[in-house]
Amino acid sequence: MISAALVAAGVGLVPGIAQAAPVAGPDATQGTGGTTYSSPAERTVVTQGAQGANGTQGAQGKQGTQGAQDSSASIYLTAHTDGARSIELRSHVIDFGAPALDVVVSWGDGTTDTYSLPAGGASDARDLKHRYTVLGTYDVKVTAKNAADGTEAVNELKFTTKGAEFTAHEPTRLLDTRAGVGAAKAKVGPRSSVALKVAGAAKVPAGATAVALNVTVTNTTGAGHVSVQSTKDRAEGAETSNVNFAAGQTVPNLVIEAIGEDGYVHLFNGGWEPVDLIADVTGYFAPAHANGWGALNPTRVVDTREGLGTAKGQVPGQGTFGVEIAGRAGVPKGATAVAVNLTATNPRSAGHLTAYPSGKAAPATSNLNFTAGQTVANSAVVPIGPDGKINVRNGGWDPADVVVDVVGHYSPESRSALVAHGIPYRLLDTRKDSWGGWKAGPLKARTHFPMRLEGDTTTPDVDGWVLNTTVTDTRGNGFLSVTPDPNFWSDYVNGTAVTPQRPVSSVLNWTKGATVANVAQTPGGKGGMIDLWNQGWEDTHLLVDLLAYYKTD
């Protein structure tokens, strides 16, 4: 079972900041399960040498001469990956009386490893590791050669790297049950799901393995939640959620999710009343060279209340402004897309915001929806236009303030690839005791909560985390920030941790009594830790679900 190592509120080193002796827990990346490939010994092909019979035979030597049987070998292969570019191969070679064997492992990318087995009919199982420079599918072949008579035994398997790089996609609506786009023109029934074709649709290639979707629930008549997963069974049996809603609400959330082997994702209405569902694609991930992730500390690039990044003053209804992104706030000039957190505040009436690449007409999609007077945030992945800018449009009829925080980017220079978790896993639920040591109770107001996501390390393997964060049982208004922690785990153990600087960026905003979710994409600190900040003046319960992470290896 996965569990983050949790820090319980206790000894306050600085007024208003709760810090305490930490509780250890395992590495969050260990729960991904990975993918296993195998090729049984029966698939071994033996080619006879000069002293044996001509032709080929099976692994057990039942064809050909008795001499060939004595000098043949069988090979059993299994391969596993839970990293982005790595393969862990077990090569199990069993020979039947061969004087000696020379073994060659061809990784499929032009590189090989070799080793020798002594005479004596040995059974040799060994683990080998290899890292691919380029993501993709490779034919891995193991050849065991009897140097004495030239007999060769060969087995092979096809292996696909688990990591996937990003390709930006012009915002496109794939699903709208109100209009019959992508599914039947009808509300999704209570406790029911809808299948959405993603890979092979709207120029998303068939080989895509994960997708960035903005999922919106609307026309709600009761409270509930939406879960998005790669299979119907997983979606309908999920213990986690992506979007939470109340009666009468229209609520979006960014979803980064693995695509099923059939090219579909499934959206489950976990409420007891029918709802309409909308899904807009802004990019996809595939095991091929494209754009890697670049993690950034959250940086505010637009605040219309202050004139930061654009003109000071509310954005008029149906108004649009451009934001220079490439070459700013840590985003390189060559970036193709940017990960941002959009916030609408002080809107004078209901509406929505749409972020899209400059140089394009505003699409018929949206990134967040708001009502009059509401402050609401949502994460977005936005393609960058050829001039290095993105546009933000106020789709309402009245003015609203807009805030934009940059949290990361995708660029061809980066090789940090997405490793989709496959099944979202709940790392934290403050409503419940955790076996890792957390005692049930809300996150205190105006405090930060350090969470260790990797093992006790000073060299994190993970470049960035994709987390779905949810607040519930909120006792007042507030907002959540998620940032890298500047300490090592040992600093908390030893009581020498420095107090992180309180961030100004936000991941999600809430009002009293609301349940609100949003995706946070964040790097870990130098010790593989993050901070979860309750920036409100009242306690709140917090849930954190692991969706995916980014790795270079």
Protein backbone atom coordinates (compact mmCIF):
# COMPACT_ATOMS: atom_id res chain seq x y z
CA MET A 1 0.00 0.00 0.00
CA ILE A 2 1.17 3.50 -0.77
CA SER A 3 1.28 6.12 1.92
CA ALA A 4 3.01 9.44 2.06
CA ALA A 5 5.08 10.13 5.12
CA LEU A 6 3.06 12.59 7.09
CA VAL A 7 3.90 15.33 9.53
CA ALA A 8 1.40 15.75 12.35
CA ALA A 9 0.61 19.23 13.61
CA GLY A 10 2.26 19.85 16.94
CA VAL A 11 5.24 21.90 18.00
CA GLY A 12 4.96 25.32 16.38
CA LEU A 13 8.40 26.65 15.55
CA VAL A 14 6.95 29.91 14.26
CA PRO A 15 3.55 31.35 15.28
CA GLY A 16 0.90 30.20 12.82
CA ILE A 17 3.08 27.46 11.30
CA ALA A 18 2.57 23.95 12.62
CA GLN A 19 5.62 21.71 12.50
CA ALA A 20 6.34 18.51 14.39
CA ALA A 21 8.30 15.29 14.44
CA PRO A 22 7.53 13.47 11.19
CA VAL A 23 6.15 10.02 10.68
CA ALA A 24 8.01 7.91 8.13
CA GLY A 25 6.33 6.26 5.16
CA PRO A 26 7.34 4.47 1.94
CA ASP A 27 8.15 5.98 -1.42
CA ALA A 28 4.99 7.04 -3.26
CA THR A 29 6.44 5.93 -6.60
CA GLN A 30 6.58 2.31 -5.42
CA GLY A 31 2.85 1.89 -5.74
CA THR A 32 2.58 2.44 -9.47
CA GLY A 33 2.76 -1.27 -10.19
CA GLY A 34 4.50 -0.66 -13.49
CA THR A 35 4.06 -2.87 -16.54
CA THR A 36 5.34 -6.43 -16.95
CA TYR A 37 6.15 -8.18 -20.22
CA SER A 38 7.09 -11.84 -20.62
CA SER A 39 8.10 -14.45 -23.17
CA PRO A 40 7.94 -18.04 -21.89
CA ALA A 41 10.66 -20.60 -22.49
CA GLU A 42 8.44 -22.41 -25.00
CA ARG A 43 9.00 -19.53 -27.41
CA THR A 44 12.75 -20.17 -27.53
CA VAL A 45 13.93 -20.88 -31.06
CA VAL A 46 17.04 -23.07 -31.38
CA THR A 47 19.13 -22.98 -34.54
CA GLN A 48 21.41 -26.00 -34.98
CA GLY A 49 25.12 -25.52 -35.59
CA ALA A 50 27.44 -27.46 -37.84
CA GLN A 51 27.52 -30.53 -35.56
CA GLY A 52 23.76 -30.71 -35.08
CA ALA A 53 20.77 -31.26 -37.32
CA ASN A 54 19.84 -28.63 -39.90
CA GLY A 55 16.93 -26.29 -39.26
CA THR A 56 15.37 -25.17 -36.01
CA GLN A 57 13.78 -26.82 -33.02
CA GLY A 58 11.78 -25.90 -29.94
CA ALA A 59 13.23 -25.17 -26.56
CA GLN A 60 13.00 -28.76 -25.32
CA GLY A 61 14.89 -30.20 -28.27
CA LYS A 62 12.15 -32.61 -29.29
CA GLN A 63 12.91 -32.05 -32.97
CA GLY A 64 16.25 -32.94 -34.54
CA THR A 65 18.90 -35.29 -33.23
CA GLN A 66 19.64 -36.39 -29.69
CA GLY A 67 22.94 -34.50 -29.93
CA ALA A 68 21.09 -31.32 -30.69
CA GLN A 69 18.92 -31.86 -27.64
CA ASP A 70 21.96 -32.17 -25.40
CA SER A 71 23.42 -28.88 -26.67
CA SER A 72 20.26 -26.78 -26.75
CA ALA A 73 19.12 -24.14 -24.27
CA SER A 74 15.82 -22.63 -23.25
CA ILE A 75 15.40 -18.97 -22.33
CA TYR A 76 12.65 -17.45 -20.22
CA LEU A 77 12.31 -13.65 -20.32
CA THR A 78 10.40 -11.22 -18.12
CA ALA A 79 10.70 -7.44 -18.25
CA HIS A 80 9.32 -4.80 -15.94
CA THR A 81 9.27 -1.03 -15.81
CA ASP A 82 7.97 1.52 -13.36
CA GLY A 83 10.31 4.28 -14.53
CA ALA A 84 10.09 6.50 -17.58
CA ARG A 85 12.85 5.06 -19.79
CA SER A 86 14.23 2.08 -17.91
CA ILE A 87 13.81 -1.65 -18.37
CA GLU A 88 14.51 -4.31 -15.75
CA LEU A 89 15.02 -7.61 -17.58
CA ARG A 90 15.31 -11.06 -16.02
CA SER A 91 17.05 -13.43 -18.39
CA HIS A 92 16.71 -17.05 -17.28
CA VAL A 93 18.85 -19.39 -19.38
CA ILE A 94 18.74 -23.16 -18.87
CA ASP A 95 21.15 -25.29 -20.91
CA PHE A 96 21.05 -29.04 -21.37
CA GLY A 97 24.63 -30.23 -21.30
CA ALA A 98 26.24 -27.47 -23.33
CA PRO A 99 29.96 -27.12 -22.60
CA ALA A 100 29.59 -23.32 -22.28
CA LEU A 101 27.29 -20.56 -23.47
CA ASP A 102 27.91 -17.00 -24.61
CA VAL A 103 24.84 -14.83 -24.00
CA VAL A 104 24.09 -11.61 -25.89
CA VAL A 105 21.31 -9.25 -24.82
CA SER A 106 20.23 -6.94 -27.64
CA TRP A 107 18.16 -4.08 -26.26
CA GLY A 108 16.66 -3.07 -29.60
CA ASP A 109 18.26 0.37 -29.72
CA GLY A 110 21.58 -0.75 -31.21
CA THR A 111 23.23 -1.55 -27.87
CA THR A 112 24.06 -4.94 -26.38
CA ASP A 113 25.23 -6.52 -23.15
CA THR A 114 27.10 -9.85 -23.01
CA TYR A 115 27.95 -12.46 -20.42
CA SER A 116 29.17 -16.07 -20.39
CA LEU A 117 27.86 -19.18 -18.66
CA PRO A 118 30.21 -22.04 -17.76
CA ALA A 119 29.75 -25.65 -18.78
CA GLY A 120 27.76 -28.01 -16.62
CA GLY A 121 24.12 -27.66 -17.52
CA ALA A 122 23.57 -24.59 -15.37
CA SER A 123 20.34 -22.75 -14.78
CA ASP A 124 21.24 -19.06 -14.72
CA ALA A 125 18.76 -16.31 -13.87
CA ARG A 126 20.09 -12.79 -13.71
CA ASP A 127 18.66 -9.29 -13.65
CA LEU A 128 19.86 -6.68 -16.11
CA LYS A 129 18.95 -3.01 -16.38
CA HIS A 130 19.01 -0.68 -19.35
CA ARG A 131 17.99 2.92 -20.01
CA TYR A 132 16.65 4.03 -23.37
CA THR A 133 17.59 7.46 -24.65
CA VAL A 134 14.42 7.76 -26.71
CA LEU A 135 10.98 6.64 -25.57
CA GLY A 136 9.33 4.01 -27.72
CA THR A 137 8.76 0.31 -28.39
CA TYR A 138 11.77 -1.99 -28.70
CA ASP A 139 12.43 -5.62 -29.65
CA VAL A 140 14.55 -7.07 -26.82
CA LYS A 141 16.36 -10.26 -27.84
CA VAL A 142 18.47 -12.69 -25.80
CA THR A 143 20.73 -15.11 -27.68
CA ALA A 144 22.57 -18.00 -25.97
CA LYS A 145 25.26 -19.48 -28.27
CA ASN A 146 27.10 -22.77 -27.84
CA ALA A 147 30.52 -21.78 -29.08
CA ALA A 148 31.55 -25.44 -29.47
CA ASP A 149 29.05 -26.36 -32.18
CA GLY A 150 27.52 -23.02 -33.15
CA THR A 151 24.05 -23.85 -31.81
CA GLU A 152 22.02 -20.76 -30.88
CA ALA A 153 18.93 -20.38 -28.69
CA VAL A 154 16.97 -17.16 -29.08
CA ASN A 155 13.98 -15.66 -27.28
CA GLU A 156 12.64 -12.13 -27.56
CA LEU A 157 9.90 -9.83 -26.36
CA LYS A 158 8.51 -6.47 -27.37
CA PHE A 159 8.92 -3.78 -24.73
CA THR A 160 7.41 -0.28 -24.54
CA THR A 161 8.81 2.37 -22.24
CA LYS A 162 6.34 3.49 -19.61
CA GLY A 163 7.20 7.17 -19.86
CA ALA A 164 5.35 9.41 -22.29
CA GLU A 165 6.15 12.87 -23.63
CA PHE A 166 3.66 15.62 -24.32
CA THR A 167 2.25 17.03 -27.54
CA ALA A 168 0.13 20.17 -27.33
CA HIS A 169 -3.31 19.98 -28.92
CA GLU A 170 -5.42 22.96 -29.88
CA PRO A 171 -8.28 23.02 -27.34
CA THR A 172 -10.98 20.80 -28.80
CA ARG A 173 -14.26 19.55 -27.40
CA LEU A 174 -14.38 15.75 -27.40
CA LEU A 175 -17.47 15.28 -25.23
CA ASP A 176 -20.64 17.27 -24.63
CA THR A 177 -23.64 15.22 -23.59
CA ARG A 178 -25.86 18.30 -24.03
CA ALA A 179 -25.18 18.27 -27.77
CA GLY A 180 -24.45 14.61 -28.48
CA VAL A 181 -20.73 15.23 -29.05
CA GLY A 182 -18.65 12.13 -28.30
CA ALA A 183 -21.61 10.32 -26.71
CA ALA A 184 -25.38 10.15 -26.81
CA LYS A 185 -27.30 13.41 -26.45
CA ALA A 186 -28.55 12.69 -22.95
CA LYS A 187 -27.53 13.24 -19.38
CA VAL A 188 -25.30 10.62 -17.79
CA GLY A 189 -27.48 8.73 -15.35
CA PRO A 190 -26.84 8.39 -11.63
CA ARG A 191 -24.10 5.91 -10.75
CA SER A 192 -23.46 5.44 -14.47
CA SER A 193 -20.52 6.05 -16.79
CA VAL A 194 -19.89 7.23 -20.33
CA ALA A 195 -17.10 5.93 -22.59
CA LEU A 196 -15.12 8.61 -24.42
CA LYS A 197 -12.94 7.81 -27.42
CA VAL A 198 -9.65 9.72 -27.08
CA ALA A 199 -6.81 7.93 -28.88
CA GLY A 200 -7.67 8.06 -32.58
CA ALA A 201 -10.12 10.96 -32.16
CA ALA A 202 -9.67 14.65 -33.05
CA LYS A 203 -6.10 14.13 -34.30
CA VAL A 204 -5.02 12.42 -31.09
CA PRO A 205 -2.94 9.50 -32.42
CA ALA A 206 -3.84 5.89 -31.74
CA GLY A 207 -0.55 5.44 -29.89
CA ALA A 208 -1.33 8.02 -27.21
CA THR A 209 -1.19 6.56 -23.72
CA ALA A 210 -2.40 9.49 -21.59
CA VAL A 211 -4.36 12.69 -22.09
CA ALA A 212 -4.86 16.15 -20.61
CA LEU A 213 -8.60 16.84 -20.44
CA ASN A 214 -10.60 19.66 -18.94
CA VAL A 215 -13.65 17.85 -17.56
CA THR A 216 -16.76 19.86 -16.65
CA VAL A 217 -19.96 18.73 -14.96
CA THR A 218 -23.05 20.89 -15.46
CA ASN A 219 -26.86 20.89 -15.18
CA THR A 220 -26.55 19.27 -11.77
CA THR A 221 -29.62 18.72 -9.59
CA GLY A 222 -27.89 17.07 -6.65
CA ALA A 223 -24.46 16.68 -5.08
CA GLY A 224 -21.96 14.16 -6.33
CA HIS A 225 -18.59 13.55 -7.92
CA VAL A 226 -17.05 12.44 -11.22
CA SER A 227 -14.25 9.89 -11.54
CA VAL A 228 -12.24 9.60 -14.77
CA GLN A 229 -10.20 6.45 -15.39
CA SER A 230 -8.88 4.29 -18.19
CA THR A 231 -11.43 1.48 -17.84
CA LYS A 232 -15.11 1.28 -16.98
CA ASP A 233 -14.54 -1.00 -14.00
CA ARG A 234 -11.91 1.31 -12.54
CA ALA A 235 -14.05 4.41 -13.00
CA GLU A 236 -17.13 2.85 -11.43
CA GLY A 237 -15.18 1.27 -8.58
CA ALA A 238 -12.91 4.22 -7.85
CA GLU A 239 -12.30 5.33 -4.28
CA THR A 240 -11.08 8.69 -5.57
CA SER A 241 -12.70 11.48 -7.56
CA ASN A 242 -11.67 14.17 -10.05
CA VAL A 243 -14.58 16.62 -9.84
CA ASN A 244 -16.94 17.37 -6.95
CA PHE A 245 -20.20 19.27 -7.35
CA ALA A 246 -23.32 20.45 -5.57
CA ALA A 247 -26.82 20.97 -6.95
CA GLY A 248 -26.93 23.77 -9.49
CA GLN A 249 -23.17 24.01 -9.91
CA THR A 250 -21.08 23.93 -13.08
CA VAL A 251 -17.62 22.70 -12.05
CA PRO A 252 -14.49 21.90 -14.12
CA ASN A 253 -11.18 20.25 -13.27
CA LEU A 254 -8.08 19.35 -15.23
CA VAL A 255 -7.63 15.60 -15.57
CA ILE A 256 -4.35 13.95 -16.60
CA GLU A 257 -5.22 10.30 -17.01
CA ALA A 258 -3.97 7.15 -18.70
CA ILE A 259 -5.87 6.07 -21.82
CA GLY A 260 -7.15 2.51 -21.95
CA GLU A 261 -5.67 0.00 -24.37
CA ASP A 262 -8.84 0.40 -26.46
CA GLY A 263 -8.26 4.16 -26.80
CA TYR A 264 -11.01 5.18 -24.36
CA VAL A 265 -11.34 6.87 -21.00
CA HIS A 266 -14.46 6.46 -18.87
CA LEU A 267 -16.26 9.17 -16.92
CA PHE A 268 -18.37 7.99 -14.00
CA ASN A 269 -21.18 10.04 -12.47
CA GLY A 270 -20.89 9.14 -8.80
CA GLY A 271 -23.97 11.16 -7.82
CA TRP A 272 -27.56 10.07 -7.41
CA GLU A 273 -28.97 12.44 -10.03
CA PRO A 274 -28.23 12.68 -13.80
CA VAL A 275 -25.69 15.24 -15.00
CA ASP A 276 -24.25 16.57 -18.24
CA LEU A 277 -20.53 16.04 -18.84
CA ILE A 278 -18.11 17.99 -21.04
CA ALA A 279 -14.48 17.13 -21.87
CA ASP A 280 -12.01 19.31 -23.79
CA VAL A 281 -8.59 17.99 -24.86
CA THR A 282 -5.54 20.27 -24.73
CA GLY A 283 -2.78 17.73 -25.18
CA TYR A 284 -1.77 14.09 -25.11
CA PHE A 285 1.17 11.93 -24.03
CA ALA A 286 2.79 9.13 -26.04
CA PRO A 287 5.92 6.95 -25.69
CA ALA A 288 7.82 8.87 -28.37
CA HIS A 289 10.15 11.86 -28.60
CA ALA A 290 8.11 15.05 -28.21
CA ASN A 291 8.09 17.51 -25.29
CA GLY A 292 9.23 16.79 -21.76
CA TRP A 293 8.05 18.37 -18.53
CA GLY A 294 9.81 21.31 -16.97
CA ALA A 295 8.92 21.80 -13.30
CA LEU A 296 8.74 25.31 -11.87
CA ASN A 297 8.00 26.84 -8.52
CA PRO A 298 4.58 28.50 -8.82
CA THR A 299 5.04 32.03 -10.17
CA ARG A 300 2.34 34.67 -10.61
CA VAL A 301 2.48 36.18 -14.09
CA VAL A 302 -0.93 37.92 -14.28
CA ASP A 303 -3.04 39.74 -11.73
CA THR A 304 -5.46 42.24 -13.23
CA ARG A 305 -6.11 43.70 -9.77
CA GLU A 306 -2.52 44.99 -9.71
CA GLY A 307 -1.73 45.41 -13.40
CA LEU A 308 0.73 42.49 -13.33
CA GLY A 309 1.31 41.00 -16.78
CA THR A 310 -1.51 42.98 -18.40
CA ALA A 311 -3.49 46.18 -17.99
CA LYS A 312 -4.71 47.01 -14.51
CA GLY A 313 -8.45 46.61 -14.25
CA GLN A 314 -11.07 43.93 -14.74
CA VAL A 315 -11.26 42.10 -18.04
CA PRO A 316 -14.43 43.26 -19.83
CA GLY A 317 -17.16 40.80 -20.66
CA GLN A 318 -16.28 38.99 -23.91
CA GLY A 319 -12.84 40.58 -23.60
CA THR A 320 -9.47 38.93 -24.28
CA PHE A 321 -5.91 39.72 -23.29
CA GLY A 322 -2.57 38.19 -24.29
CA VAL A 323 0.08 36.96 -21.88
CA GLU A 324 3.74 36.64 -22.83
CA ILE A 325 4.79 33.25 -21.48
CA ALA A 326 7.80 31.88 -23.39
CA GLY A 327 10.99 33.34 -21.99
CA ARG A 328 9.31 34.46 -18.78
CA ALA A 329 8.92 33.04 -15.25
CA GLY A 330 11.30 30.18 -16.04
CA VAL A 331 9.48 29.08 -19.20
CA PRO A 332 12.03 28.63 -22.03
CA LYS A 333 11.65 30.29 -25.40
CA GLY A 334 11.11 26.97 -27.14
CA ALA A 335 8.31 25.72 -24.88
CA THR A 336 5.24 24.43 -26.72
CA ALA A 337 2.77 24.48 -23.81
CA VAL A 338 2.50 25.85 -20.31
CA ALA A 339 0.82 24.51 -17.18
CA VAL A 340 -1.00 27.28 -15.33
CA ASN A 341 -3.50 27.81 -12.58
CA LEU A 342 -6.26 30.20 -13.68
CA THR A 343 -8.29 32.11 -11.12
CA ALA A 344 -11.34 34.29 -11.66
CA THR A 345 -12.23 36.69 -8.85
CA ASN A 346 -14.66 39.54 -8.30
CA PRO A 347 -16.81 38.62 -11.31
CA ARG A 348 -19.93 40.76 -11.64
CA SER A 349 -21.99 37.94 -13.14
CA ALA A 350 -21.72 34.31 -14.17
CA GLY A 351 -19.33 33.33 -16.94
CA HIS A 352 -16.27 31.34 -17.86
CA LEU A 353 -12.59 31.75 -18.77
CA THR A 354 -10.90 30.19 -21.78
CA ALA A 355 -7.13 29.98 -22.23
CA TYR A 356 -5.79 29.20 -25.71
CA PRO A 357 -2.73 29.79 -27.92
CA SER A 358 -2.25 33.20 -29.44
CA GLY A 359 -2.71 33.43 -33.18
CA LYS A 360 -5.81 31.24 -33.02
CA ALA A 361 -9.49 32.09 -32.79
CA ALA A 362 -11.03 31.55 -29.37
CA PRO A 363 -12.22 27.91 -29.24
CA ALA A 364 -15.65 26.79 -28.11
CA THR A 365 -14.15 25.38 -24.93
CA SER A 366 -13.67 26.61 -21.37
CA ASN A 367 -11.18 26.14 -18.54
CA LEU A 368 -13.19 27.38 -15.56
CA ASN A 369 -16.70 28.52 -14.77
CA PHE A 370 -17.77 31.11 -12.22
CA THR A 371 -20.82 32.74 -10.72
CA ALA A 372 -21.28 36.34 -9.63
CA GLY A 373 -18.93 37.27 -6.81
CA GLN A 374 -17.20 33.87 -6.79
CA THR A 375 -13.44 33.31 -6.55
CA VAL A 376 -12.64 30.04 -8.29
CA ALA A 377 -9.49 28.44 -9.72
CA ASN A 378 -8.72 25.63 -12.12
CA SER A 379 -5.54 24.16 -13.57
CA ALA A 380 -4.98 24.21 -17.31
CA VAL A 381 -2.45 23.04 -19.86
CA VAL A 382 -2.34 25.65 -22.61
CA PRO A 383 -0.52 25.45 -25.97
CA ILE A 384 1.75 28.44 -26.56
CA GLY A 385 1.32 30.43 -29.77
CA PRO A 386 4.16 31.03 -32.27
CA ASP A 387 4.79 34.47 -30.73
CA GLY A 388 5.34 32.93 -27.29
CA LYS A 389 1.98 34.05 -25.89
CA ILE A 390 -1.27 32.60 -24.67
CA ASN A 391 -4.64 34.36 -24.66
CA VAL A 392 -7.19 34.44 -21.85
CA ARG A 393 -10.81 35.28 -22.69
CA ASN A 394 -13.57 36.30 -20.31
CA GLY A 395 -16.56 34.45 -21.73
CA GLY A 396 -19.00 36.20 -19.42
CA TRP A 397 -21.03 39.30 -20.21
CA ASP A 398 -19.64 41.38 -17.37
CA PRO A 399 -16.13 42.25 -16.11
CA ALA A 400 -14.04 39.97 -13.90
CA ASP A 401 -10.52 39.96 -12.46
CA VAL A 402 -8.13 37.24 -13.63
CA VAL A 403 -5.05 35.74 -11.97
CA VAL A 404 -2.59 33.39 -13.74
CA ASP A 405 0.09 31.36 -11.94
CA VAL A 406 2.64 29.38 -13.99
CA VAL A 407 3.54 25.98 -12.50
CA GLY A 408 5.42 24.25 -15.32
CA HIS A 409 5.99 23.89 -19.03
CA TYR A 410 6.54 21.35 -21.82
CA SER A 411 9.49 21.81 -24.18
CA PRO A 412 11.48 19.69 -26.67
CA GLU A 413 14.68 20.26 -24.69
CA SER A 414 13.33 18.51 -21.59
CA ARG A 415 13.39 14.73 -21.31
CA SER A 416 11.23 14.44 -18.20
CA ALA A 417 8.40 12.08 -19.17
CA LEU A 418 5.01 11.39 -17.65
CA VAL A 419 4.60 8.10 -15.79
CA ALA A 420 0.85 7.68 -15.41
CA HIS A 421 -0.15 5.96 -12.19
CA GLY A 422 -2.95 4.06 -13.94
CA ILE A 423 -5.16 3.94 -10.85
CA PRO A 424 -5.31 7.17 -8.82
CA TYR A 425 -4.23 6.48 -5.26
CA ARG A 426 -5.27 8.39 -2.16
CA LEU A 427 -2.15 9.55 -0.34
CA LEU A 428 -3.91 11.59 2.33
CA ASP A 429 -7.38 11.93 3.82
CA THR A 430 -7.31 14.02 6.98
CA ARG A 431 -10.75 12.69 7.94
CA LYS A 432 -9.21 9.28 8.68
CA ASP A 433 -6.35 7.84 10.68
CA SER A 434 -3.41 6.79 8.55
CA TRP A 435 -1.28 3.73 9.24
CA GLY A 436 1.64 6.08 8.58
CA GLY A 437 0.84 7.94 11.78
CA TRP A 438 -1.63 10.70 10.86
CA LYS A 439 -4.47 10.99 13.36
CA ALA A 440 -7.82 12.06 11.93
CA GLY A 441 -8.37 15.77 12.16
CA PRO A 442 -8.56 18.81 9.86
CA LEU A 443 -5.58 20.77 8.58
CA LYS A 444 -5.26 23.74 10.88
CA ALA A 445 -5.85 27.27 9.63
CA ARG A 446 -2.84 29.24 8.41
CA THR A 447 -0.53 26.23 8.62
CA HIS A 448 1.52 24.23 6.17
CA PHE A 449 1.69 20.45 6.06
CA PRO A 450 5.03 18.91 4.90
CA MET A 451 4.54 15.69 2.93
CA ARG A 452 7.36 13.39 1.89
CA LEU A 453 6.63 11.74 -1.46
CA GLU A 454 9.92 9.89 -2.01
CA GLY A 455 12.00 7.74 0.25
CA ASP A 456 14.52 9.35 2.57
CA THR A 457 16.60 11.00 -0.14
CA THR A 458 18.80 13.97 -0.93
CA THR A 459 18.66 13.22 -4.66
CA PRO A 460 15.00 12.97 -5.74
CA ASP A 461 14.24 10.79 -8.75
CA VAL A 462 10.93 12.48 -9.49
CA ASP A 463 10.94 15.80 -11.36
CA GLY A 464 7.31 16.66 -10.75
CA TRP A 465 4.10 15.33 -9.19
CA VAL A 466 0.55 15.34 -10.56
CA LEU A 467 -1.79 15.44 -7.57
CA ASN A 468 -5.53 15.89 -7.31
CA THR A 469 -6.19 17.98 -4.20
CA THR A 470 -9.62 18.30 -2.59
CA VAL A 471 -10.84 20.33 0.38
CA THR A 472 -14.06 19.38 2.16
CA ASP A 473 -15.93 20.16 5.36
CA THR A 474 -14.65 23.71 4.99
CA ARG A 475 -15.45 25.97 7.94
CA GLY A 476 -14.79 29.30 6.25
CA ASN A 477 -13.39 30.83 3.06
CA GLY A 478 -9.80 30.16 2.04
CA PHE A 479 -7.38 28.88 -0.54
CA LEU A 480 -4.82 26.09 -0.87
CA SER A 481 -1.20 26.45 -1.98
CA VAL A 482 1.08 23.56 -2.98
CA THR A 483 4.82 24.23 -3.15
CA PRO A 484 8.18 22.41 -2.88
CA ASP A 485 9.49 22.10 0.66
CA PRO A 486 13.03 23.53 1.15
CA ASN A 487 14.04 21.01 3.83
CA PHE A 488 15.35 17.49 3.92
CA TRP A 489 13.35 14.88 5.80
CA SER A 490 16.16 14.62 8.31
CA ASP A 491 15.68 18.32 9.11
CA TYR A 492 12.19 17.57 10.38
CA VAL A 493 13.40 14.49 12.23
CA ASN A 494 16.15 16.50 13.91
CA GLY A 495 14.00 19.54 14.58
CA THR A 496 16.20 21.77 12.41
CA ALA A 497 13.73 22.42 9.58
CA VAL A 498 13.48 26.01 8.43
CA THR A 499 10.06 27.57 8.03
CA PRO A 500 9.14 27.77 4.34
CA GLN A 501 8.17 31.16 2.99
CA ARG A 502 4.42 31.52 2.75
CA PRO A 503 3.45 31.41 -0.95
CA VAL A 504 1.08 33.82 -2.67
CA SER A 505 0.02 31.43 -5.44
CA SER A 506 -3.11 29.33 -5.11
CA VAL A 507 -4.19 25.92 -6.36
CA LEU A 508 -7.84 26.10 -5.35
CA ASN A 509 -10.21 28.49 -3.60
CA TRP A 510 -13.18 27.60 -1.44
CA THR A 511 -16.10 29.04 0.46
CA LYS A 512 -17.60 27.80 3.71
CA GLY A 513 -19.22 24.38 3.39
CA ALA A 514 -17.88 23.70 -0.11
CA THR A 515 -16.08 20.63 -1.45
CA VAL A 516 -13.63 21.74 -4.14
CA ALA A 517 -11.02 19.85 -6.16
CA ASN A 518 -8.17 20.91 -8.44
CA VAL A 519 -5.03 19.38 -9.89
CA ALA A 520 -1.66 20.52 -8.58
CA GLN A 521 1.44 19.93 -10.71
CA THR A 522 4.47 20.60 -8.54
CA PRO A 523 8.11 19.65 -8.14
CA GLY A 524 9.32 18.21 -4.89
CA GLY A 525 11.93 20.07 -2.92
CA LYS A 526 15.59 19.07 -2.65
CA GLY A 527 14.54 16.24 -0.32
CA GLY A 528 11.55 15.04 -2.38
CA MET A 529 8.99 16.85 -0.20
CA ILE A 530 6.09 19.23 -0.82
CA ASP A 531 4.12 21.61 1.40
CA LEU A 532 0.33 21.81 1.50
CA TRP A 533 -0.78 25.20 2.82
CA ASN A 534 -4.18 25.95 4.32
CA GLN A 535 -4.24 29.67 3.62
CA GLY A 536 -7.67 30.15 5.16
CA TRP A 537 -8.51 31.36 8.64
CA GLU A 538 -10.49 28.24 9.50
CA ASP A 539 -9.60 24.54 9.64
CA THR A 540 -10.41 22.32 6.67
CA HIS A 541 -10.15 18.67 5.71
CA LEU A 542 -7.81 17.85 2.84
CA LEU A 543 -7.57 14.90 0.44
CA VAL A 544 -4.60 14.26 -1.87
CA ASP A 545 -4.66 11.70 -4.71
CA LEU A 546 -1.63 10.70 -6.78
CA LEU A 547 -2.43 10.71 -10.52
CA ALA A 548 1.03 10.59 -12.13
CA TYR A 549 4.58 11.86 -11.88
CA TYR A 550 7.37 12.98 -14.20
CA LYS A 551 10.78 11.26 -14.40
CA THR A 552 13.84 11.52 -16.59
CA ASP A 553 14.99 7.91 -16.09
